[in-house]
Amino acid sequence: MADHHRKLIIIGSGPAGFTAALYAGRANLNPVIFEGHQPGGQLTITTEVENYPGFPDGMMGPEMMEQFRKQAHRFGASSIYKTVDAVDLSRRPFKLEADGETYSADAIIVATGATAKLLGLPSENEYMGYGVSACATCDGFFFKNQHVVVIGGGDTAMEEADYLTKHAAKVTVIHRRDSLRASKVMQERVRKNPKVDFIWDTTVDEVLGTTNEHGHKKLNGLRLKNLKTGALTDFVCDGLFIAIGHHPNTSLFQGALETDEVGYLLTKGRSTATNIPGVFAAGDVADPTYRQAVTAAGSGCQAAIDAERFLAHHE
């Protein structure tokens, strides 16, 4: 057991987890990062990041996460490429199970992120980052003067559609029902926008695209299915934005950490503290609102400082 005990364990490895590790490393806490099933987090499925300050030419998502990792490791953080399967937060030191091994920690930072809900099509995965996106603020800029489709009928979908009209020439919202469940204000804003049109009672059956001789993939249309008639039609467009919500990766902490009704971890006041002293939350796992790399990194810094103060106080 002794060799598996750490002052601080960080669960999750996106901008939040790595930034927390960097700050905790510089505070001589020798943190361990459990990188989990998607090392580097959601940014590893983002092709290019253009809105992270300090990178004027943009950077590939996976490459940026590799730089974050290197910087954290430089200051004494280490990574374990395992997924945490169970936690016991009932007493300190906290206990974690990962691949049959038990670890313990005096403090934990939860940075397990969130996952965009997707349609579940093989072709959607194939073109993710090549015309398919789950984040308009991340990728809208790449569709200047093009025709894009937004899937969904809630506030998220309306926000994405509205945002995309800043870049795209035309935005088509496709919804499986014949009415939106978005708030009236959001519906009005989008319905008034001359760039937006709607296709009702319809789902995406397949993402269509091409691969050139250099292996570069490009989406060039969708196969749509009318749910009332069952008819399939091919629809030409340049991009697909899936806006059917996110779910925070918090199932591991159910019953232990307080969440909102969707499952996002709740933190106290302006801190990253959860309802259990010594357990902190950073990044998208506790952020249903902004969900950006830079805000996740910022909260990772806060969580590390909160954890450092907690540990100093409880030495």
C-alpha atoms as a PDB file:
ATOM      1  CA  MET A   1       0.000   0.000   0.000  1.00  0.00           C
ATOM      2  CA  ALA A   2       2.713   2.460   1.027  1.00  0.00           C
ATOM      3  CA  ASP A   3       4.142   2.871  -2.471  1.00  0.00           C
ATOM      4  CA  HIS A   4       0.611   3.534  -3.796  1.00  0.00           C
ATOM      5  CA  HIS A   5      -0.001   6.475  -1.472  1.00  0.00           C
ATOM      6  CA  ARG A   6       0.216  10.033  -2.807  1.00  0.00           C
ATOM      7  CA  LYS A   7      -0.462  13.448  -1.321  1.00  0.00           C
ATOM      8  CA  LEU A   8      -2.493  14.391  -4.378  1.00  0.00           C
ATOM      9  CA  ILE A   9      -4.130  12.341  -7.108  1.00  0.00           C
ATOM     10  CA  ILE A  10      -5.669  13.969 -10.184  1.00  0.00           C
ATOM     11  CA  ILE A  11      -8.335  11.942 -11.980  1.00  0.00           C
ATOM     12  CA  GLY A  12      -8.550  12.967 -15.627  1.00  0.00           C
ATOM     13  CA  SER A  13      -6.198  14.491 -18.140  1.00  0.00           C
ATOM     14  CA  GLY A  14      -7.466  17.368 -20.229  1.00  0.00           C
ATOM     15  CA  PRO A  15      -6.431  21.016 -19.884  1.00  0.00           C
ATOM     16  CA  ALA A  16      -7.880  20.996 -16.329  1.00  0.00           C
ATOM     17  CA  GLY A  17      -6.047  17.881 -15.127  1.00  0.00           C
ATOM     18  CA  PHE A  18      -2.714  18.831 -16.681  1.00  0.00           C
ATOM     19  CA  THR A  19      -2.828  22.441 -15.441  1.00  0.00           C
ATOM     20  CA  ALA A  20      -3.699  21.208 -11.942  1.00  0.00           C
ATOM     21  CA  ALA A  21      -0.732  18.810 -12.170  1.00  0.00           C
ATOM     22  CA  LEU A  22       1.587  21.593 -13.331  1.00  0.00           C
ATOM     23  CA  TYR A  23       0.697  23.861 -10.387  1.00  0.00           C
ATOM     24  CA  ALA A  24       0.695  20.999  -7.874  1.00  0.00           C
ATOM     25  CA  GLY A  25       4.056  19.821  -9.222  1.00  0.00           C
ATOM     26  CA  ARG A  26       5.545  23.276  -8.730  1.00  0.00           C
ATOM     27  CA  ALA A  27       4.215  23.186  -5.150  1.00  0.00           C
ATOM     28  CA  ASN A  28       6.289  19.999  -4.598  1.00  0.00           C
ATOM     29  CA  LEU A  29       3.211  17.802  -4.185  1.00  0.00           C
ATOM     30  CA  ASN A  30       4.452  15.210  -6.740  1.00  0.00           C
ATOM     31  CA  PRO A  31       0.924  14.657  -8.076  1.00  0.00           C
ATOM     32  CA  VAL A  32      -0.139  11.586 -10.012  1.00  0.00           C
ATOM     33  CA  ILE A  33      -2.480  11.978 -12.988  1.00  0.00           C
ATOM     34  CA  PHE A  34      -4.744   9.080 -13.886  1.00  0.00           C
ATOM     35  CA  GLU A  35      -5.093   9.783 -17.596  1.00  0.00           C
ATOM     36  CA  GLY A  36      -8.102   7.520 -18.092  1.00  0.00           C
ATOM     37  CA  HIS A  37      -9.794   6.228 -21.231  1.00  0.00           C
ATOM     38  CA  GLN A  38      -9.181   9.404 -23.259  1.00  0.00           C
ATOM     39  CA  PRO A  39      -5.700  10.748 -22.399  1.00  0.00           C
ATOM     40  CA  GLY A  40      -5.694  14.473 -23.139  1.00  0.00           C
ATOM     41  CA  GLY A  41      -9.476  14.702 -22.914  1.00  0.00           C
ATOM     42  CA  GLN A  42     -11.856  16.163 -25.488  1.00  0.00           C
ATOM     43  CA  LEU A  43      -9.088  18.190 -27.159  1.00  0.00           C
ATOM     44  CA  THR A  44      -7.643  14.982 -28.546  1.00  0.00           C
ATOM     45  CA  ILE A  45     -10.663  14.722 -30.875  1.00  0.00           C
ATOM     46  CA  THR A  46     -10.399  18.402 -31.889  1.00  0.00           C
ATOM     47  CA  THR A  47      -8.247  18.807 -34.971  1.00  0.00           C
ATOM     48  CA  GLU A  48      -7.153  22.432 -34.601  1.00  0.00           C
ATOM     49  CA  VAL A  49      -7.300  24.764 -31.594  1.00  0.00           C
ATOM     50  CA  GLU A  50      -7.195  28.413 -32.665  1.00  0.00           C
ATOM     51  CA  ASN A  51      -8.670  30.145 -29.620  1.00  0.00           C
ATOM     52  CA  TYR A  52      -6.117  29.238 -26.924  1.00  0.00           C
ATOM     53  CA  PRO A  53      -4.252  32.444 -25.971  1.00  0.00           C
ATOM     54  CA  GLY A  54      -0.570  32.481 -26.846  1.00  0.00           C
ATOM     55  CA  PHE A  55      -0.853  30.293 -29.955  1.00  0.00           C
ATOM     56  CA  PRO A  56      -1.505  32.819 -32.742  1.00  0.00           C
ATOM     57  CA  ASP A  57      -1.025  30.223 -35.493  1.00  0.00           C
ATOM     58  CA  GLY A  58      -3.252  27.651 -33.825  1.00  0.00           C
ATOM     59  CA  MET A  59      -2.252  24.156 -32.804  1.00  0.00           C
ATOM     60  CA  MET A  60      -3.538  20.631 -33.232  1.00  0.00           C
ATOM     61  CA  GLY A  61      -5.523  19.515 -30.167  1.00  0.00           C
ATOM     62  CA  PRO A  62      -3.528  16.312 -29.484  1.00  0.00           C
ATOM     63  CA  GLU A  63      -0.217  18.180 -29.898  1.00  0.00           C
ATOM     64  CA  MET A  64      -1.330  20.884 -27.452  1.00  0.00           C
ATOM     65  CA  MET A  65      -2.246  18.241 -24.855  1.00  0.00           C
ATOM     66  CA  GLU A  66       1.169  16.609 -25.328  1.00  0.00           C
ATOM     67  CA  GLN A  67       2.786  19.994 -24.522  1.00  0.00           C
ATOM     68  CA  PHE A  68       0.571  20.347 -21.407  1.00  0.00           C
ATOM     69  CA  ARG A  69       1.613  16.846 -20.321  1.00  0.00           C
ATOM     70  CA  LYS A  70       5.345  17.537 -20.847  1.00  0.00           C
ATOM     71  CA  GLN A  71       5.138  20.745 -18.847  1.00  0.00           C
ATOM     72  CA  ALA A  72       3.366  19.013 -15.944  1.00  0.00           C
ATOM     73  CA  HIS A  73       5.907  16.163 -15.977  1.00  0.00           C
ATOM     74  CA  ARG A  74       8.792  18.645 -16.004  1.00  0.00           C
ATOM     75  CA  PHE A  75       7.704  19.788 -12.545  1.00  0.00           C
ATOM     76  CA  GLY A  76       7.403  16.355 -10.982  1.00  0.00           C
ATOM     77  CA  ALA A  77       3.930  15.191 -11.971  1.00  0.00           C
ATOM     78  CA  SER A  78       3.648  11.635 -13.242  1.00  0.00           C
ATOM     79  CA  SER A  79       0.998   9.903 -15.345  1.00  0.00           C
ATOM     80  CA  ILE A  80      -0.625   6.523 -14.878  1.00  0.00           C
ATOM     81  CA  TYR A  81      -2.379   5.379 -18.045  1.00  0.00           C
ATOM     82  CA  LYS A  82      -5.233   3.634 -16.266  1.00  0.00           C
ATOM     83  CA  THR A  83      -8.894   4.392 -15.700  1.00  0.00           C
ATOM     84  CA  VAL A  84     -10.090   4.763 -12.118  1.00  0.00           C
ATOM     85  CA  ASP A  85     -12.894   2.204 -11.637  1.00  0.00           C
ATOM     86  CA  ALA A  86     -13.997   2.955  -8.064  1.00  0.00           C
ATOM     87  CA  VAL A  87     -13.420   5.511  -5.305  1.00  0.00           C
ATOM     88  CA  ASP A  88     -14.015   5.513  -1.558  1.00  0.00           C
ATOM     89  CA  LEU A  89     -14.351   9.093  -0.350  1.00  0.00           C
ATOM     90  CA  SER A  90     -15.880   8.186   3.026  1.00  0.00           C
ATOM     91  CA  ARG A  91     -12.643   8.858   4.934  1.00  0.00           C
ATOM     92  CA  ARG A  92      -9.131  10.203   4.428  1.00  0.00           C
ATOM     93  CA  PRO A  93      -6.842   9.016   3.035  1.00  0.00           C
ATOM     94  CA  PHE A  94      -9.232   8.493   0.121  1.00  0.00           C
ATOM     95  CA  LYS A  95      -8.983   5.185  -1.737  1.00  0.00           C
ATOM     96  CA  LEU A  96      -9.089   4.593  -5.492  1.00  0.00           C
ATOM     97  CA  GLU A  97      -9.193   1.380  -7.528  1.00  0.00           C
ATOM     98  CA  ALA A  98      -7.666   1.269 -11.004  1.00  0.00           C
ATOM     99  CA  ASP A  99      -7.193  -1.943 -12.989  1.00  0.00           C
ATOM    100  CA  GLY A 100      -7.236  -4.058  -9.839  1.00  0.00           C
ATOM    101  CA  GLU A 101      -4.668  -1.909  -7.981  1.00  0.00           C
ATOM    102  CA  THR A 102      -5.525   0.182  -4.906  1.00  0.00           C
ATOM    103  CA  TYR A 103      -4.150   3.708  -4.481  1.00  0.00           C
ATOM    104  CA  SER A 104      -4.657   6.223  -1.691  1.00  0.00           C
ATOM    105  CA  ALA A 105      -4.466  10.017  -1.533  1.00  0.00           C
ATOM    106  CA  ASP A 106      -4.734  12.830   1.008  1.00  0.00           C
ATOM    107  CA  ALA A 107      -6.478  15.008  -1.586  1.00  0.00           C
ATOM    108  CA  ILE A 108      -8.103  14.429  -4.955  1.00  0.00           C
ATOM    109  CA  ILE A 109      -8.789  16.705  -7.918  1.00  0.00           C
ATOM    110  CA  VAL A 110     -11.575  15.417 -10.150  1.00  0.00           C
ATOM    111  CA  ALA A 111     -10.991  16.529 -13.760  1.00  0.00           C
ATOM    112  CA  THR A 112     -12.869  13.775 -15.574  1.00  0.00           C
ATOM    113  CA  GLY A 113     -14.473  16.188 -18.050  1.00  0.00           C
ATOM    114  CA  ALA A 114     -17.642  15.822 -20.036  1.00  0.00           C
ATOM    115  CA  THR A 115     -18.540  13.925 -23.176  1.00  0.00           C
ATOM    116  CA  ALA A 116     -20.586  15.350 -26.021  1.00  0.00           C
ATOM    117  CA  LYS A 117     -23.626  13.227 -26.710  1.00  0.00           C
ATOM    118  CA  LEU A 118     -23.315  11.955 -30.260  1.00  0.00           C
ATOM    119  CA  LEU A 119     -25.672  10.287 -32.720  1.00  0.00           C
ATOM    120  CA  GLY A 120     -23.904   6.946 -32.541  1.00  0.00           C
ATOM    121  CA  LEU A 121     -23.162   6.523 -36.257  1.00  0.00           C
ATOM    122  CA  PRO A 122     -19.879   4.935 -37.447  1.00  0.00           C
ATOM    123  CA  SER A 123     -19.682   7.568 -40.217  1.00  0.00           C
ATOM    124  CA  GLU A 124     -20.029  10.354 -37.621  1.00  0.00           C
ATOM    125  CA  ASN A 125     -16.888   9.076 -35.859  1.00  0.00           C
ATOM    126  CA  GLU A 126     -15.075   8.746 -39.169  1.00  0.00           C
ATOM    127  CA  TYR A 127     -15.606  12.436 -40.025  1.00  0.00           C
ATOM    128  CA  MET A 128     -15.182  13.831 -36.482  1.00  0.00           C
ATOM    129  CA  GLY A 129     -12.813  16.774 -36.932  1.00  0.00           C
ATOM    130  CA  TYR A 130     -13.225  16.591 -40.742  1.00  0.00           C
ATOM    131  CA  GLY A 131     -16.579  18.345 -40.989  1.00  0.00           C
ATOM    132  CA  VAL A 132     -18.318  16.849 -37.950  1.00  0.00           C
ATOM    133  CA  SER A 133     -18.020  18.808 -34.704  1.00  0.00           C
ATOM    134  CA  ALA A 134     -19.687  18.975 -31.301  1.00  0.00           C
ATOM    135  CA  CYS A 135     -18.541  22.547 -30.573  1.00  0.00           C
ATOM    136  CA  ALA A 136     -19.482  25.610 -32.631  1.00  0.00           C
ATOM    137  CA  THR A 137     -17.292  28.038 -30.655  1.00  0.00           C
ATOM    138  CA  CYS A 138     -14.324  25.706 -31.277  1.00  0.00           C
ATOM    139  CA  ASP A 139     -14.835  25.008 -34.962  1.00  0.00           C
ATOM    140  CA  GLY A 140     -17.329  27.498 -36.446  1.00  0.00           C
ATOM    141  CA  PHE A 141     -14.550  29.681 -37.811  1.00  0.00           C
ATOM    142  CA  PHE A 142     -13.491  26.922 -40.248  1.00  0.00           C
ATOM    143  CA  PHE A 143     -16.851  27.139 -42.057  1.00  0.00           C
ATOM    144  CA  LYS A 144     -16.707  30.735 -43.318  1.00  0.00           C
ATOM    145  CA  ASN A 145     -19.339  31.310 -46.059  1.00  0.00           C
ATOM    146  CA  GLN A 146     -20.268  27.612 -46.094  1.00  0.00           C
ATOM    147  CA  HIS A 147     -23.511  25.706 -45.450  1.00  0.00           C
ATOM    148  CA  VAL A 148     -23.642  23.877 -42.115  1.00  0.00           C
ATOM    149  CA  VAL A 149     -26.223  21.732 -40.339  1.00  0.00           C
ATOM    150  CA  VAL A 150     -27.025  21.787 -36.624  1.00  0.00           C
ATOM    151  CA  ILE A 151     -28.705  18.748 -35.053  1.00  0.00           C
ATOM    152  CA  GLY A 152     -30.839  19.365 -31.972  1.00  0.00           C
ATOM    153  CA  GLY A 153     -33.795  21.317 -30.667  1.00  0.00           C
ATOM    154  CA  GLY A 154     -32.762  22.632 -27.250  1.00  0.00           C
ATOM    155  CA  ASP A 155     -31.037  25.817 -26.077  1.00  0.00           C
ATOM    156  CA  THR A 156     -27.590  24.375 -26.920  1.00  0.00           C
ATOM    157  CA  ALA A 157     -28.655  23.779 -30.520  1.00  0.00           C
ATOM    158  CA  MET A 158     -30.129  27.296 -30.817  1.00  0.00           C
ATOM    159  CA  GLU A 159     -26.985  28.869 -29.330  1.00  0.00           C
ATOM    160  CA  GLU A 160     -24.805  26.897 -31.747  1.00  0.00           C
ATOM    161  CA  ALA A 161     -27.009  27.801 -34.744  1.00  0.00           C
ATOM    162  CA  ASP A 162     -27.019  31.482 -33.775  1.00  0.00           C
ATOM    163  CA  TYR A 163     -23.239  31.496 -33.260  1.00  0.00           C
ATOM    164  CA  LEU A 164     -22.596  29.710 -36.578  1.00  0.00           C
ATOM    165  CA  THR A 165     -24.435  32.438 -38.550  1.00  0.00           C
ATOM    166  CA  LYS A 166     -21.464  34.714 -37.717  1.00  0.00           C
ATOM    167  CA  HIS A 167     -19.329  32.527 -39.989  1.00  0.00           C
ATOM    168  CA  ALA A 168     -21.456  30.295 -42.214  1.00  0.00           C
ATOM    169  CA  ALA A 169     -23.479  31.541 -45.176  1.00  0.00           C
ATOM    170  CA  LYS A 170     -26.380  29.262 -44.251  1.00  0.00           C
ATOM    171  CA  VAL A 171     -27.352  27.171 -41.219  1.00  0.00           C
ATOM    172  CA  THR A 172     -29.967  24.404 -41.408  1.00  0.00           C
ATOM    173  CA  VAL A 173     -31.338  23.136 -38.087  1.00  0.00           C
ATOM    174  CA  ILE A 174     -32.519  19.520 -38.246  1.00  0.00           C
ATOM    175  CA  HIS A 175     -34.732  18.266 -35.423  1.00  0.00           C
ATOM    176  CA  ARG A 176     -36.320  14.874 -34.806  1.00  0.00           C
ATOM    177  CA  ARG A 177     -39.610  16.457 -33.664  1.00  0.00           C
ATOM    178  CA  ASP A 178     -41.805  19.121 -35.231  1.00  0.00           C
ATOM    179  CA  SER A 179     -41.212  21.732 -32.516  1.00  0.00           C
ATOM    180  CA  LEU A 180     -38.228  22.971 -30.515  1.00  0.00           C
ATOM    181  CA  ARG A 181     -37.811  22.541 -26.786  1.00  0.00           C
ATOM    182  CA  ALA A 182     -35.480  25.549 -26.579  1.00  0.00           C
ATOM    183  CA  SER A 183     -36.550  28.562 -24.509  1.00  0.00           C
ATOM    184  CA  LYS A 184     -38.833  31.053 -26.276  1.00  0.00           C
ATOM    185  CA  VAL A 185     -36.128  33.750 -26.285  1.00  0.00           C
ATOM    186  CA  MET A 186     -33.603  31.484 -28.018  1.00  0.00           C
ATOM    187  CA  GLN A 187     -36.210  30.195 -30.491  1.00  0.00           C
ATOM    188  CA  GLU A 188     -37.234  33.729 -31.444  1.00  0.00           C
ATOM    189  CA  ARG A 189     -33.670  34.866 -31.989  1.00  0.00           C
ATOM    190  CA  VAL A 190     -32.912  31.977 -34.329  1.00  0.00           C
ATOM    191  CA  ARG A 191     -36.243  32.041 -36.182  1.00  0.00           C
ATOM    192  CA  LYS A 192     -35.726  35.746 -36.936  1.00  0.00           C
ATOM    193  CA  ASN A 193     -32.296  35.107 -38.441  1.00  0.00           C
ATOM    194  CA  PRO A 194     -32.536  35.060 -42.267  1.00  0.00           C
ATOM    195  CA  LYS A 195     -29.541  32.711 -42.506  1.00  0.00           C
ATOM    196  CA  VAL A 196     -31.302  29.884 -40.615  1.00  0.00           C
ATOM    197  CA  ASP A 197     -33.838  27.373 -41.917  1.00  0.00           C
ATOM    198  CA  PHE A 198     -35.377  24.253 -40.340  1.00  0.00           C
ATOM    199  CA  ILE A 199     -36.024  20.649 -41.346  1.00  0.00           C
ATOM    200  CA  TRP A 200     -38.505  18.895 -39.005  1.00  0.00           C
ATOM    201  CA  ASP A 201     -39.235  15.259 -38.053  1.00  0.00           C
ATOM    202  CA  THR A 202     -35.854  14.224 -39.434  1.00  0.00           C
ATOM    203  CA  THR A 203     -32.667  12.508 -38.276  1.00  0.00           C
ATOM    204  CA  VAL A 204     -29.239  11.948 -39.831  1.00  0.00           C
ATOM    205  CA  ASP A 205     -28.953   8.388 -41.127  1.00  0.00           C
ATOM    206  CA  GLU A 206     -25.381   8.672 -42.396  1.00  0.00           C
ATOM    207  CA  VAL A 207     -22.581  11.217 -42.811  1.00  0.00           C
ATOM    208  CA  LEU A 208     -21.368  11.321 -46.427  1.00  0.00           C
ATOM    209  CA  GLY A 209     -17.915  12.375 -47.552  1.00  0.00           C
ATOM    210  CA  THR A 210     -14.835  11.687 -49.610  1.00  0.00           C
ATOM    211  CA  THR A 211     -11.198  10.774 -48.999  1.00  0.00           C
ATOM    212  CA  ASN A 212      -8.633  12.200 -51.442  1.00  0.00           C
ATOM    213  CA  GLU A 213      -5.446  10.493 -52.624  1.00  0.00           C
ATOM    214  CA  HIS A 214      -3.512  11.974 -49.660  1.00  0.00           C
ATOM    215  CA  GLY A 215      -5.947  10.330 -47.244  1.00  0.00           C
ATOM    216  CA  HIS A 216      -7.582  13.635 -46.304  1.00  0.00           C
ATOM    217  CA  LYS A 217     -11.250  13.210 -45.415  1.00  0.00           C
ATOM    218  CA  LYS A 218     -13.964  15.780 -46.099  1.00  0.00           C
ATOM    219  CA  LEU A 219     -17.668  15.740 -45.296  1.00  0.00           C
ATOM    220  CA  ASN A 220     -19.802  16.785 -48.264  1.00  0.00           C
ATOM    221  CA  GLY A 221     -23.333  15.823 -47.270  1.00  0.00           C
ATOM    222  CA  LEU A 222     -25.753  13.894 -45.072  1.00  0.00           C
ATOM    223  CA  ARG A 223     -28.255  11.131 -45.697  1.00  0.00           C
ATOM    224  CA  LEU A 224     -31.426  12.276 -43.931  1.00  0.00           C
ATOM    225  CA  LYS A 225     -34.316  10.117 -42.777  1.00  0.00           C
ATOM    226  CA  ASN A 226     -37.827  11.531 -42.444  1.00  0.00           C
ATOM    227  CA  LEU A 227     -39.257   9.932 -39.305  1.00  0.00           C
ATOM    228  CA  LYS A 228     -42.859  10.262 -40.504  1.00  0.00           C
ATOM    229  CA  THR A 229     -42.442   8.746 -43.974  1.00  0.00           C
ATOM    230  CA  GLY A 230     -39.201   6.790 -43.562  1.00  0.00           C
ATOM    231  CA  ALA A 231     -37.943   8.398 -46.792  1.00  0.00           C
ATOM    232  CA  LEU A 232     -34.162   8.795 -47.199  1.00  0.00           C
ATOM    233  CA  THR A 233     -32.734  11.829 -49.022  1.00  0.00           C
ATOM    234  CA  ASP A 234     -29.193  13.028 -49.640  1.00  0.00           C
ATOM    235  CA  PHE A 235     -28.565  16.581 -48.465  1.00  0.00           C
ATOM    236  CA  VAL A 236     -25.518  18.573 -49.616  1.00  0.00           C
ATOM    237  CA  CYS A 237     -23.684  20.578 -46.917  1.00  0.00           C
ATOM    238  CA  ASP A 238     -20.160  21.380 -45.676  1.00  0.00           C
ATOM    239  CA  GLY A 239     -20.380  20.727 -41.953  1.00  0.00           C
ATOM    240  CA  LEU A 240     -22.393  18.990 -39.226  1.00  0.00           C
ATOM    241  CA  PHE A 241     -22.625  20.332 -35.665  1.00  0.00           C
ATOM    242  CA  ILE A 242     -24.126  17.939 -33.130  1.00  0.00           C
ATOM    243  CA  ALA A 243     -25.825  19.881 -30.337  1.00  0.00           C
ATOM    244  CA  ILE A 244     -27.825  17.329 -28.395  1.00  0.00           C
ATOM    245  CA  GLY A 245     -26.074  18.073 -25.107  1.00  0.00           C
ATOM    246  CA  HIS A 246     -23.133  16.891 -23.021  1.00  0.00           C
ATOM    247  CA  HIS A 247     -23.003  14.556 -20.099  1.00  0.00           C
ATOM    248  CA  PRO A 248     -20.399  15.064 -17.375  1.00  0.00           C
ATOM    249  CA  ASN A 249     -18.275  12.023 -16.569  1.00  0.00           C
ATOM    250  CA  THR A 250     -19.383  11.734 -12.945  1.00  0.00           C
ATOM    251  CA  SER A 251     -20.882   8.228 -12.647  1.00  0.00           C
ATOM    252  CA  LEU A 252     -17.823   7.225 -10.574  1.00  0.00           C
ATOM    253  CA  PHE A 253     -18.802   9.706  -7.844  1.00  0.00           C
ATOM    254  CA  GLN A 254     -22.545   9.069  -7.696  1.00  0.00           C
ATOM    255  CA  GLY A 255     -23.830   9.128  -4.149  1.00  0.00           C
ATOM    256  CA  ALA A 256     -20.566  10.636  -2.851  1.00  0.00           C
ATOM    257  CA  LEU A 257     -20.207  14.048  -4.503  1.00  0.00           C
ATOM    258  CA  GLU A 258     -23.057  16.533  -4.900  1.00  0.00           C
ATOM    259  CA  THR A 259     -24.141  17.219  -8.476  1.00  0.00           C
ATOM    260  CA  ASP A 260     -26.798  19.277 -10.222  1.00  0.00           C
ATOM    261  CA  GLU A 261     -29.761  17.520 -11.880  1.00  0.00           C
ATOM    262  CA  VAL A 262     -27.736  16.796 -15.043  1.00  0.00           C
ATOM    263  CA  GLY A 263     -24.774  15.361 -13.128  1.00  0.00           C
ATOM    264  CA  TYR A 264     -22.250  18.253 -13.109  1.00  0.00           C
ATOM    265  CA  LEU A 265     -20.269  18.434  -9.850  1.00  0.00           C
ATOM    266  CA  LEU A 266     -21.249  21.317  -7.566  1.00  0.00           C
ATOM    267  CA  THR A 267     -18.495  23.457  -6.045  1.00  0.00           C
ATOM    268  CA  LYS A 268     -18.640  25.848  -3.118  1.00  0.00           C
ATOM    269  CA  GLY A 269     -18.690  29.603  -3.711  1.00  0.00           C
ATOM    270  CA  ARG A 270     -15.804  30.799  -5.857  1.00  0.00           C
ATOM    271  CA  SER A 271     -13.659  27.785  -4.980  1.00  0.00           C
ATOM    272  CA  THR A 272     -13.253  24.348  -6.558  1.00  0.00           C
ATOM    273  CA  ALA A 273     -14.172  22.582  -3.295  1.00  0.00           C
ATOM    274  CA  THR A 274     -16.830  19.852  -3.494  1.00  0.00           C
ATOM    275  CA  ASN A 275     -19.038  18.788  -0.563  1.00  0.00           C
ATOM    276  CA  ILE A 276     -16.238  16.470   0.664  1.00  0.00           C
ATOM    277  CA  PRO A 277     -13.274  18.297   2.239  1.00  0.00           C
ATOM    278  CA  GLY A 278     -10.109  17.396   0.326  1.00  0.00           C
ATOM    279  CA  VAL A 279     -11.905  16.637  -2.950  1.00  0.00           C
ATOM    280  CA  PHE A 280     -11.838  19.371  -5.603  1.00  0.00           C
ATOM    281  CA  ALA A 281     -13.381  19.619  -9.077  1.00  0.00           C
ATOM    282  CA  ALA A 282     -11.884  21.284 -12.160  1.00  0.00           C
ATOM    283  CA  GLY A 283     -12.815  21.701 -15.810  1.00  0.00           C
ATOM    284  CA  ASP A 284     -15.878  20.549 -17.724  1.00  0.00           C
ATOM    285  CA  VAL A 285     -16.903  18.047 -15.042  1.00  0.00           C
ATOM    286  CA  ALA A 286     -18.121  21.059 -13.035  1.00  0.00           C
ATOM    287  CA  ASP A 287     -18.803  23.504 -15.886  1.00  0.00           C
ATOM    288  CA  PRO A 288     -22.019  23.231 -17.907  1.00  0.00           C
ATOM    289  CA  THR A 289     -21.660  26.824 -19.139  1.00  0.00           C
ATOM    290  CA  TYR A 290     -18.322  27.674 -20.806  1.00  0.00           C
ATOM    291  CA  ARG A 291     -16.657  24.345 -21.637  1.00  0.00           C
ATOM    292  CA  GLN A 292     -13.528  25.843 -23.208  1.00  0.00           C
ATOM    293  CA  ALA A 293      -9.915  24.677 -22.965  1.00  0.00           C
ATOM    294  CA  VAL A 294      -8.852  27.997 -21.439  1.00  0.00           C
ATOM    295  CA  THR A 295     -11.560  28.008 -18.747  1.00  0.00           C
ATOM    296  CA  ALA A 296     -10.797  24.363 -17.918  1.00  0.00           C
ATOM    297  CA  ALA A 297      -7.096  25.191 -17.570  1.00  0.00           C
ATOM    298  CA  GLY A 298      -7.966  28.173 -15.352  1.00  0.00           C
ATOM    299  CA  SER A 299     -10.046  26.033 -13.030  1.00  0.00           C
ATOM    300  CA  GLY A 300      -7.279  23.399 -12.937  1.00  0.00           C
ATOM    301  CA  CYS A 301      -4.954  26.087 -11.580  1.00  0.00           C
ATOM    302  CA  GLN A 302      -7.577  27.059  -8.969  1.00  0.00           C
ATOM    303  CA  ALA A 303      -8.080  23.430  -7.908  1.00  0.00           C
ATOM    304  CA  ALA A 304      -4.326  22.910  -7.433  1.00  0.00           C
ATOM    305  CA  ILE A 305      -4.060  26.040  -5.277  1.00  0.00           C
ATOM    306  CA  ASP A 306      -7.137  24.984  -3.261  1.00  0.00           C
ATOM    307  CA  ALA A 307      -5.671  21.477  -2.806  1.00  0.00           C
ATOM    308  CA  GLU A 308      -2.255  22.845  -1.807  1.00  0.00           C
ATOM    309  CA  ARG A 309      -3.847  25.077   0.861  1.00  0.00           C
ATOM    310  CA  PHE A 310      -6.012  22.218   2.106  1.00  0.00           C
ATOM    311  CA  LEU A 311      -2.997  19.915   2.433  1.00  0.00           C
ATOM    312  CA  ALA A 312      -0.880  22.580   4.177  1.00  0.00           C
ATOM    313  CA  HIS A 313      -3.707  23.130   6.643  1.00  0.00           C
ATOM    314  CA  HIS A 314      -4.111  19.404   7.340  1.00  0.00           C
ATOM    315  CA  GLU A 315      -0.448  18.358   7.541  1.00  0.00           C
END
